[in-house]
Amino acid sequence: MNQTESEAARVGRWLQEDGEIEALLRSARRIAVVGISDKPERDSYRVALYLKDHGYEVIPVNPRLEAWLGIPAVPHLQAIDGPVDIVDVFRRSEETPPIAEQAVAIGARALWLQLGVHNDETVRIATAGGLDVVTNRCIKIEHGRLILGR
């Protein structure tokens, strides 16, 4: 079976160059944070707060939370209304392939696996499904470095 042009255009990329990551961060507006915590000492809480404070719309994704900082939480990605630019994942590497499948299913633009998190199968699922992927990087650190010059 031959791919149509639109099917071929849906193939995502594993972003590793600063310019690619900066472009993603500059164009994104809505970020779903999977595995967000309501505990201020947790990285997921601090990173999500940073993103919110820097103008991104944060969508908390955690089946154990009703809300995060007054923002209603959703139990999974499919419960999100509207488009998602980045799915930012705070889960162990081995838990990420199903999240990639969900991100593809909702039509997210990109999947971001936090510092210390990488899974080749997750990258394969996401890029084959048309998502750009960043792995083993902290979105807060990269935003500060690439956007704010810190």
N, C-alpha and C. Protein backbone atom coordinates (compact mmCIF):
# COMPACT_ATOMS: atom_id res chain seq x y z
N MET A 1 0.84 -1.18 0.00
CA MET A 1 0.00 0.00 0.00
C MET A 1 0.89 1.24 0.00
N ASN A 2 0.59 2.19 -0.88
CA ASN A 2 1.36 3.43 -0.95
C ASN A 2 0.82 4.45 0.04
N GLN A 3 1.75 5.20 0.65
CA GLN A 3 1.33 6.28 1.54
C GLN A 3 0.90 7.48 0.73
N THR A 4 -0.16 8.12 1.17
CA THR A 4 -0.52 9.38 0.54
C THR A 4 0.38 10.46 1.10
N GLU A 5 0.37 11.65 0.48
CA GLU A 5 1.20 12.75 0.98
C GLU A 5 0.84 13.10 2.41
N SER A 6 -0.44 13.11 2.75
CA SER A 6 -0.84 13.47 4.11
C SER A 6 -0.37 12.43 5.12
N GLU A 7 -0.40 11.15 4.75
CA GLU A 7 0.10 10.12 5.65
C GLU A 7 1.60 10.27 5.86
N ALA A 8 2.32 10.55 4.79
CA ALA A 8 3.77 10.73 4.89
C ALA A 8 4.10 11.95 5.74
N ALA A 9 3.28 12.99 5.67
CA ALA A 9 3.54 14.22 6.42
C ALA A 9 3.33 14.01 7.92
N ARG A 10 2.65 12.96 8.32
CA ARG A 10 2.36 12.72 9.73
C ARG A 10 3.53 12.08 10.48
N VAL A 11 4.59 11.74 9.83
CA VAL A 11 5.73 11.13 10.51
C VAL A 11 6.44 12.20 11.33
N GLY A 12 6.58 11.92 12.62
CA GLY A 12 7.23 12.88 13.51
C GLY A 12 8.73 12.69 13.53
N ARG A 13 9.40 13.52 14.34
CA ARG A 13 10.86 13.46 14.43
C ARG A 13 11.27 13.42 15.90
N TRP A 14 12.41 12.80 16.15
CA TRP A 14 13.02 12.81 17.48
C TRP A 14 13.89 14.06 17.51
N LEU A 15 13.45 15.07 18.25
CA LEU A 15 14.13 16.36 18.28
C LEU A 15 15.32 16.30 19.25
N GLN A 16 16.49 16.62 18.73
CA GLN A 16 17.69 16.61 19.55
C GLN A 16 18.50 17.89 19.44
N GLU A 17 18.23 18.68 18.42
CA GLU A 17 18.96 19.91 18.19
C GLU A 17 18.29 21.07 18.92
N ASP A 18 19.09 21.98 19.46
CA ASP A 18 18.55 23.12 20.21
C ASP A 18 17.52 23.91 19.42
N GLY A 19 17.80 24.17 18.16
CA GLY A 19 16.88 24.96 17.33
C GLY A 19 15.52 24.32 17.19
N GLU A 20 15.50 23.00 17.04
CA GLU A 20 14.22 22.27 16.92
C GLU A 20 13.43 22.35 18.22
N ILE A 21 14.12 22.18 19.33
CA ILE A 21 13.46 22.20 20.64
C ILE A 21 12.96 23.61 20.94
N GLU A 22 13.77 24.60 20.64
CA GLU A 22 13.35 25.99 20.85
C GLU A 22 12.10 26.32 20.03
N ALA A 23 12.07 25.90 18.78
CA ALA A 23 10.90 26.15 17.94
C ALA A 23 9.65 25.51 18.53
N LEU A 24 9.79 24.30 19.03
CA LEU A 24 8.66 23.62 19.67
C LEU A 24 8.17 24.42 20.87
N LEU A 25 9.08 24.82 21.74
CA LEU A 25 8.70 25.57 22.94
C LEU A 25 8.08 26.91 22.60
N ARG A 26 8.57 27.57 21.57
CA ARG A 26 8.01 28.88 21.18
C ARG A 26 6.62 28.75 20.56
N SER A 27 6.35 27.65 19.88
CA SER A 27 5.06 27.50 19.19
C SER A 27 3.98 26.87 20.07
N ALA A 28 4.37 26.21 21.14
CA ALA A 28 3.41 25.52 22.01
C ALA A 28 2.64 26.49 22.89
N ARG A 29 1.41 26.14 23.18
CA ARG A 29 0.57 26.92 24.09
C ARG A 29 -0.07 26.05 25.18
N ARG A 30 -0.50 24.83 24.81
CA ARG A 30 -1.17 23.94 25.77
C ARG A 30 -0.29 22.73 26.02
N ILE A 31 0.00 22.50 27.31
CA ILE A 31 0.86 21.38 27.70
C ILE A 31 0.13 20.51 28.71
N ALA A 32 -0.07 19.25 28.35
CA ALA A 32 -0.66 18.27 29.28
C ALA A 32 0.48 17.65 30.07
N VAL A 33 0.40 17.72 31.39
CA VAL A 33 1.46 17.19 32.26
C VAL A 33 0.96 15.87 32.86
N VAL A 34 1.48 14.76 32.32
CA VAL A 34 1.08 13.43 32.76
C VAL A 34 1.91 13.03 33.97
N GLY A 35 1.22 12.66 35.05
CA GLY A 35 1.90 12.28 36.28
C GLY A 35 2.13 13.47 37.20
N ILE A 36 1.40 14.54 36.97
CA ILE A 36 1.54 15.74 37.81
C ILE A 36 1.17 15.41 39.25
N SER A 37 1.86 16.05 40.18
CA SER A 37 1.61 15.85 41.60
C SER A 37 1.05 17.14 42.21
N ASP A 38 0.29 16.99 43.28
CA ASP A 38 -0.18 18.16 44.02
C ASP A 38 0.75 18.48 45.19
N LYS A 39 1.88 17.80 45.25
CA LYS A 39 2.88 18.03 46.30
C LYS A 39 3.95 19.00 45.78
N PRO A 40 4.07 20.19 46.39
CA PRO A 40 5.00 21.21 45.89
C PRO A 40 6.46 20.78 45.84
N GLU A 41 6.85 19.78 46.60
CA GLU A 41 8.24 19.33 46.58
C GLU A 41 8.57 18.42 45.39
N ARG A 42 7.58 17.98 44.67
CA ARG A 42 7.79 17.09 43.53
C ARG A 42 8.17 17.86 42.27
N ASP A 43 9.04 17.25 41.46
CA ASP A 43 9.47 17.88 40.22
C ASP A 43 8.30 18.20 39.30
N SER A 44 7.34 17.29 39.20
CA SER A 44 6.21 17.52 38.29
C SER A 44 5.42 18.76 38.69
N TYR A 45 5.26 18.99 39.98
CA TYR A 45 4.56 20.18 40.47
C TYR A 45 5.35 21.44 40.10
N ARG A 46 6.66 21.42 40.42
CA ARG A 46 7.50 22.61 40.18
C ARG A 46 7.61 22.93 38.69
N VAL A 47 7.77 21.91 37.86
CA VAL A 47 7.88 22.14 36.42
C VAL A 47 6.56 22.68 35.87
N ALA A 48 5.44 22.08 36.27
CA ALA A 48 4.14 22.56 35.79
C ALA A 48 3.88 24.00 36.24
N LEU A 49 4.24 24.33 37.46
CA LEU A 49 4.07 25.70 37.95
C LEU A 49 4.93 26.67 37.14
N TYR A 50 6.15 26.28 36.84
CA TYR A 50 7.03 27.09 36.00
C TYR A 50 6.38 27.33 34.63
N LEU A 51 5.88 26.28 34.02
CA LEU A 51 5.25 26.40 32.71
C LEU A 51 4.05 27.35 32.77
N LYS A 52 3.22 27.17 33.80
CA LYS A 52 2.05 28.05 33.99
C LYS A 52 2.49 29.49 34.16
N ASP A 53 3.52 29.72 34.98
CA ASP A 53 4.02 31.07 35.23
C ASP A 53 4.65 31.71 33.99
N HIS A 54 5.02 30.88 33.01
CA HIS A 54 5.62 31.40 31.78
C HIS A 54 4.63 31.40 30.61
N GLY A 55 3.35 31.38 30.93
CA GLY A 55 2.32 31.62 29.93
C GLY A 55 1.72 30.42 29.23
N TYR A 56 2.15 29.21 29.59
CA TYR A 56 1.55 28.03 28.98
C TYR A 56 0.28 27.65 29.72
N GLU A 57 -0.68 27.09 29.00
CA GLU A 57 -1.86 26.51 29.63
C GLU A 57 -1.49 25.09 30.03
N VAL A 58 -1.55 24.81 31.32
CA VAL A 58 -1.19 23.49 31.84
C VAL A 58 -2.47 22.69 32.06
N ILE A 59 -2.46 21.47 31.54
CA ILE A 59 -3.57 20.54 31.74
C ILE A 59 -3.05 19.42 32.64
N PRO A 60 -3.51 19.37 33.91
CA PRO A 60 -3.04 18.33 34.82
C PRO A 60 -3.67 16.97 34.46
N VAL A 61 -2.80 15.95 34.33
CA VAL A 61 -3.27 14.60 33.99
C VAL A 61 -2.81 13.66 35.09
N ASN A 62 -3.76 13.25 35.93
CA ASN A 62 -3.48 12.32 37.02
C ASN A 62 -4.81 11.78 37.53
N PRO A 63 -5.03 10.47 37.45
CA PRO A 63 -6.32 9.92 37.87
C PRO A 63 -6.58 10.06 39.37
N ARG A 64 -5.54 10.36 40.14
CA ARG A 64 -5.70 10.50 41.59
C ARG A 64 -5.99 11.93 42.05
N LEU A 65 -5.98 12.87 41.11
CA LEU A 65 -6.22 14.27 41.47
C LEU A 65 -7.54 14.76 40.91
N GLU A 66 -8.23 15.58 41.69
CA GLU A 66 -9.42 16.26 41.18
C GLU A 66 -9.02 17.58 40.53
N ALA A 67 -8.00 18.23 41.12
CA ALA A 67 -7.55 19.52 40.60
C ALA A 67 -6.10 19.76 41.02
N TRP A 68 -5.46 20.65 40.29
CA TRP A 68 -4.10 21.11 40.61
C TRP A 68 -4.14 22.63 40.54
N LEU A 69 -3.86 23.28 41.65
CA LEU A 69 -3.91 24.75 41.73
C LEU A 69 -5.22 25.30 41.18
N GLY A 70 -6.31 24.62 41.47
CA GLY A 70 -7.63 25.06 41.02
C GLY A 70 -7.98 24.69 39.60
N ILE A 71 -7.05 24.09 38.88
CA ILE A 71 -7.31 23.66 37.49
C ILE A 71 -7.81 22.22 37.54
N PRO A 72 -8.97 21.93 36.99
CA PRO A 72 -9.48 20.56 37.02
C PRO A 72 -8.51 19.59 36.35
N ALA A 73 -8.25 18.49 37.03
CA ALA A 73 -7.38 17.44 36.49
C ALA A 73 -8.21 16.45 35.68
N VAL A 74 -7.58 15.80 34.73
CA VAL A 74 -8.22 14.75 33.96
C VAL A 74 -7.50 13.43 34.27
N PRO A 75 -8.22 12.31 34.19
CA PRO A 75 -7.60 11.03 34.55
C PRO A 75 -6.66 10.46 33.48
N HIS A 76 -6.85 10.87 32.22
CA HIS A 76 -6.03 10.36 31.12
C HIS A 76 -6.12 11.34 29.96
N LEU A 77 -5.25 11.17 28.99
CA LEU A 77 -5.17 12.12 27.88
C LEU A 77 -6.47 12.20 27.07
N GLN A 78 -7.17 11.10 26.91
CA GLN A 78 -8.39 11.11 26.11
C GLN A 78 -9.50 11.96 26.73
N ALA A 79 -9.36 12.32 27.99
CA ALA A 79 -10.37 13.14 28.66
C ALA A 79 -10.15 14.64 28.43
N ILE A 80 -9.14 15.00 27.68
CA ILE A 80 -8.84 16.41 27.43
C ILE A 80 -9.70 16.92 26.28
N ASP A 81 -10.33 18.07 26.50
CA ASP A 81 -11.07 18.74 25.43
C ASP A 81 -10.12 19.67 24.69
N GLY A 82 -10.15 19.62 23.39
CA GLY A 82 -9.35 20.53 22.59
C GLY A 82 -7.95 20.02 22.30
N PRO A 83 -7.22 20.80 21.52
CA PRO A 83 -5.89 20.37 21.08
C PRO A 83 -4.85 20.43 22.20
N VAL A 84 -3.82 19.61 22.05
CA VAL A 84 -2.68 19.59 22.98
C VAL A 84 -1.42 19.75 22.15
N ASP A 85 -0.59 20.71 22.54
CA ASP A 85 0.65 20.92 21.81
C ASP A 85 1.73 19.95 22.27
N ILE A 86 1.93 19.85 23.59
CA ILE A 86 2.97 18.98 24.14
C ILE A 86 2.37 18.12 25.25
N VAL A 87 2.68 16.84 25.23
CA VAL A 87 2.37 15.94 26.35
C VAL A 87 3.70 15.75 27.08
N ASP A 88 3.78 16.33 28.28
CA ASP A 88 5.00 16.29 29.10
C ASP A 88 4.83 15.17 30.12
N VAL A 89 5.73 14.19 30.11
CA VAL A 89 5.53 12.94 30.85
C VAL A 89 6.48 12.81 32.04
N PHE A 90 5.87 12.64 33.21
CA PHE A 90 6.59 12.34 34.45
C PHE A 90 6.24 10.92 34.88
N ARG A 91 6.74 9.95 34.16
CA ARG A 91 6.52 8.53 34.47
C ARG A 91 7.83 7.81 34.17
N ARG A 92 7.95 6.60 34.71
CA ARG A 92 9.16 5.80 34.43
C ARG A 92 9.18 5.40 32.96
N SER A 93 10.39 5.22 32.45
CA SER A 93 10.59 4.91 31.03
C SER A 93 9.73 3.75 30.54
N GLU A 94 9.66 2.69 31.34
CA GLU A 94 8.91 1.51 30.91
C GLU A 94 7.40 1.74 30.88
N GLU A 95 6.91 2.81 31.48
CA GLU A 95 5.48 3.12 31.50
C GLU A 95 5.06 4.05 30.36
N THR A 96 6.00 4.46 29.52
CA THR A 96 5.68 5.48 28.53
C THR A 96 5.08 5.02 27.20
N PRO A 97 5.26 3.76 26.75
CA PRO A 97 4.64 3.40 25.46
C PRO A 97 3.12 3.62 25.41
N PRO A 98 2.35 3.23 26.43
CA PRO A 98 0.91 3.51 26.34
C PRO A 98 0.58 5.00 26.33
N ILE A 99 1.42 5.79 26.97
CA ILE A 99 1.20 7.24 26.96
C ILE A 99 1.44 7.78 25.55
N ALA A 100 2.46 7.25 24.88
CA ALA A 100 2.70 7.65 23.49
C ALA A 100 1.50 7.28 22.62
N GLU A 101 0.94 6.10 22.82
CA GLU A 101 -0.24 5.69 22.05
C GLU A 101 -1.40 6.65 22.29
N GLN A 102 -1.61 7.04 23.55
CA GLN A 102 -2.69 7.98 23.88
C GLN A 102 -2.43 9.35 23.25
N ALA A 103 -1.16 9.80 23.29
CA ALA A 103 -0.81 11.10 22.71
C ALA A 103 -1.08 11.10 21.21
N VAL A 104 -0.76 10.00 20.55
CA VAL A 104 -1.05 9.88 19.11
C VAL A 104 -2.56 9.90 18.90
N ALA A 105 -3.30 9.17 19.73
CA ALA A 105 -4.75 9.07 19.57
C ALA A 105 -5.45 10.42 19.71
N ILE A 106 -4.93 11.29 20.57
CA ILE A 106 -5.58 12.60 20.74
C ILE A 106 -5.05 13.65 19.75
N GLY A 107 -4.07 13.28 18.96
CA GLY A 107 -3.54 14.21 17.97
C GLY A 107 -2.63 15.28 18.54
N ALA A 108 -1.93 14.96 19.63
CA ALA A 108 -0.98 15.91 20.19
C ALA A 108 0.11 16.22 19.15
N ARG A 109 0.77 17.35 19.31
CA ARG A 109 1.85 17.71 18.37
C ARG A 109 3.18 17.10 18.78
N ALA A 110 3.41 16.97 20.10
CA ALA A 110 4.72 16.50 20.56
C ALA A 110 4.59 15.74 21.86
N LEU A 111 5.54 14.85 22.08
CA LEU A 111 5.66 14.08 23.32
C LEU A 111 7.00 14.43 23.93
N TRP A 112 7.00 14.81 25.21
CA TRP A 112 8.23 15.21 25.90
C TRP A 112 8.42 14.28 27.09
N LEU A 113 9.51 13.53 27.10
CA LEU A 113 9.85 12.67 28.22
C LEU A 113 10.91 13.37 29.05
N GLN A 114 10.62 13.53 30.32
CA GLN A 114 11.45 14.32 31.22
C GLN A 114 12.86 13.74 31.40
N LEU A 115 13.71 14.51 32.06
CA LEU A 115 15.09 14.14 32.32
C LEU A 115 15.16 12.75 32.95
N GLY A 116 16.00 11.89 32.38
CA GLY A 116 16.15 10.52 32.88
C GLY A 116 15.17 9.53 32.29
N VAL A 117 14.29 10.00 31.40
CA VAL A 117 13.27 9.12 30.83
C VAL A 117 13.49 8.99 29.32
N HIS A 118 13.68 7.76 28.87
CA HIS A 118 13.80 7.45 27.44
C HIS A 118 13.34 6.01 27.23
N ASN A 119 12.65 5.79 26.11
CA ASN A 119 12.21 4.46 25.74
C ASN A 119 12.14 4.42 24.22
N ASP A 120 12.94 3.54 23.61
CA ASP A 120 12.98 3.46 22.14
C ASP A 120 11.62 3.14 21.54
N GLU A 121 10.86 2.26 22.18
CA GLU A 121 9.53 1.91 21.67
C GLU A 121 8.60 3.11 21.72
N THR A 122 8.71 3.91 22.77
CA THR A 122 7.89 5.11 22.89
C THR A 122 8.22 6.08 21.76
N VAL A 123 9.50 6.27 21.48
CA VAL A 123 9.92 7.15 20.39
C VAL A 123 9.36 6.63 19.07
N ARG A 124 9.43 5.32 18.86
CA ARG A 124 8.93 4.72 17.62
C ARG A 124 7.43 4.95 17.47
N ILE A 125 6.68 4.68 18.53
CA ILE A 125 5.22 4.85 18.49
C ILE A 125 4.86 6.30 18.19
N ALA A 126 5.50 7.21 18.91
CA ALA A 126 5.15 8.62 18.77
C ALA A 126 5.53 9.17 17.40
N THR A 127 6.74 8.90 16.95
CA THR A 127 7.14 9.44 15.65
C THR A 127 6.35 8.82 14.51
N ALA A 128 6.08 7.52 14.59
CA ALA A 128 5.26 6.87 13.57
C ALA A 128 3.86 7.46 13.54
N GLY A 129 3.39 7.93 14.70
CA GLY A 129 2.07 8.53 14.80
C GLY A 129 2.04 10.02 14.50
N GLY A 130 3.18 10.57 14.08
CA GLY A 130 3.21 11.97 13.67
C GLY A 130 3.63 12.96 14.73
N LEU A 131 4.05 12.49 15.89
CA LEU A 131 4.46 13.40 16.96
C LEU A 131 5.96 13.64 16.91
N ASP A 132 6.35 14.87 17.20
CA ASP A 132 7.75 15.14 17.46
C ASP A 132 8.01 14.71 18.89
N VAL A 133 9.24 14.29 19.18
CA VAL A 133 9.56 13.71 20.49
C VAL A 133 10.84 14.33 21.03
N VAL A 134 10.81 14.64 22.32
CA VAL A 134 12.00 15.04 23.06
C VAL A 134 12.11 14.06 24.22
N THR A 135 13.31 13.51 24.44
CA THR A 135 13.49 12.58 25.55
C THR A 135 14.68 13.00 26.40
N ASN A 136 14.63 12.56 27.65
CA ASN A 136 15.74 12.73 28.59
C ASN A 136 16.16 14.20 28.74
N ARG A 137 15.18 15.09 28.73
CA ARG A 137 15.43 16.52 28.95
C ARG A 137 14.31 17.09 29.79
N CYS A 138 14.65 18.04 30.63
CA CYS A 138 13.65 18.73 31.45
C CYS A 138 13.13 19.94 30.68
N ILE A 139 11.83 20.01 30.51
CA ILE A 139 11.23 21.10 29.74
C ILE A 139 11.48 22.44 30.42
N LYS A 140 11.54 22.46 31.74
CA LYS A 140 11.82 23.70 32.49
C LYS A 140 13.25 24.16 32.22
N ILE A 141 14.19 23.26 32.31
CA ILE A 141 15.60 23.60 32.06
C ILE A 141 15.78 24.08 30.62
N GLU A 142 15.19 23.35 29.68
CA GLU A 142 15.35 23.71 28.27
C GLU A 142 14.69 25.05 27.96
N HIS A 143 13.53 25.32 28.55
CA HIS A 143 12.87 26.61 28.35
C HIS A 143 13.75 27.73 28.89
N GLY A 144 14.26 27.56 30.09
CA GLY A 144 15.12 28.58 30.67
C GLY A 144 16.37 28.82 29.83
N ARG A 145 16.94 27.76 29.35
CA ARG A 145 18.19 27.85 28.57
C ARG A 145 17.95 28.43 27.18
N LEU A 146 16.94 27.91 26.47
CA LEU A 146 16.74 28.27 25.08
C LEU A 146 15.86 29.51 24.88
N ILE A 147 14.89 29.73 25.73
CA ILE A 147 13.97 30.84 25.57
C ILE A 147 14.41 32.06 26.40
N LEU A 148 14.79 31.81 27.64
CA LEU A 148 15.15 32.91 28.54
C LEU A 148 16.64 33.20 28.58
N GLY A 149 17.46 32.29 28.01
CA GLY A 149 18.90 32.49 28.00
C GLY A 149 19.56 32.36 29.35
N ARG A 150 19.01 31.50 30.19
CA ARG A 150 19.57 31.30 31.54
C ARG A 150 20.45 30.07 31.58
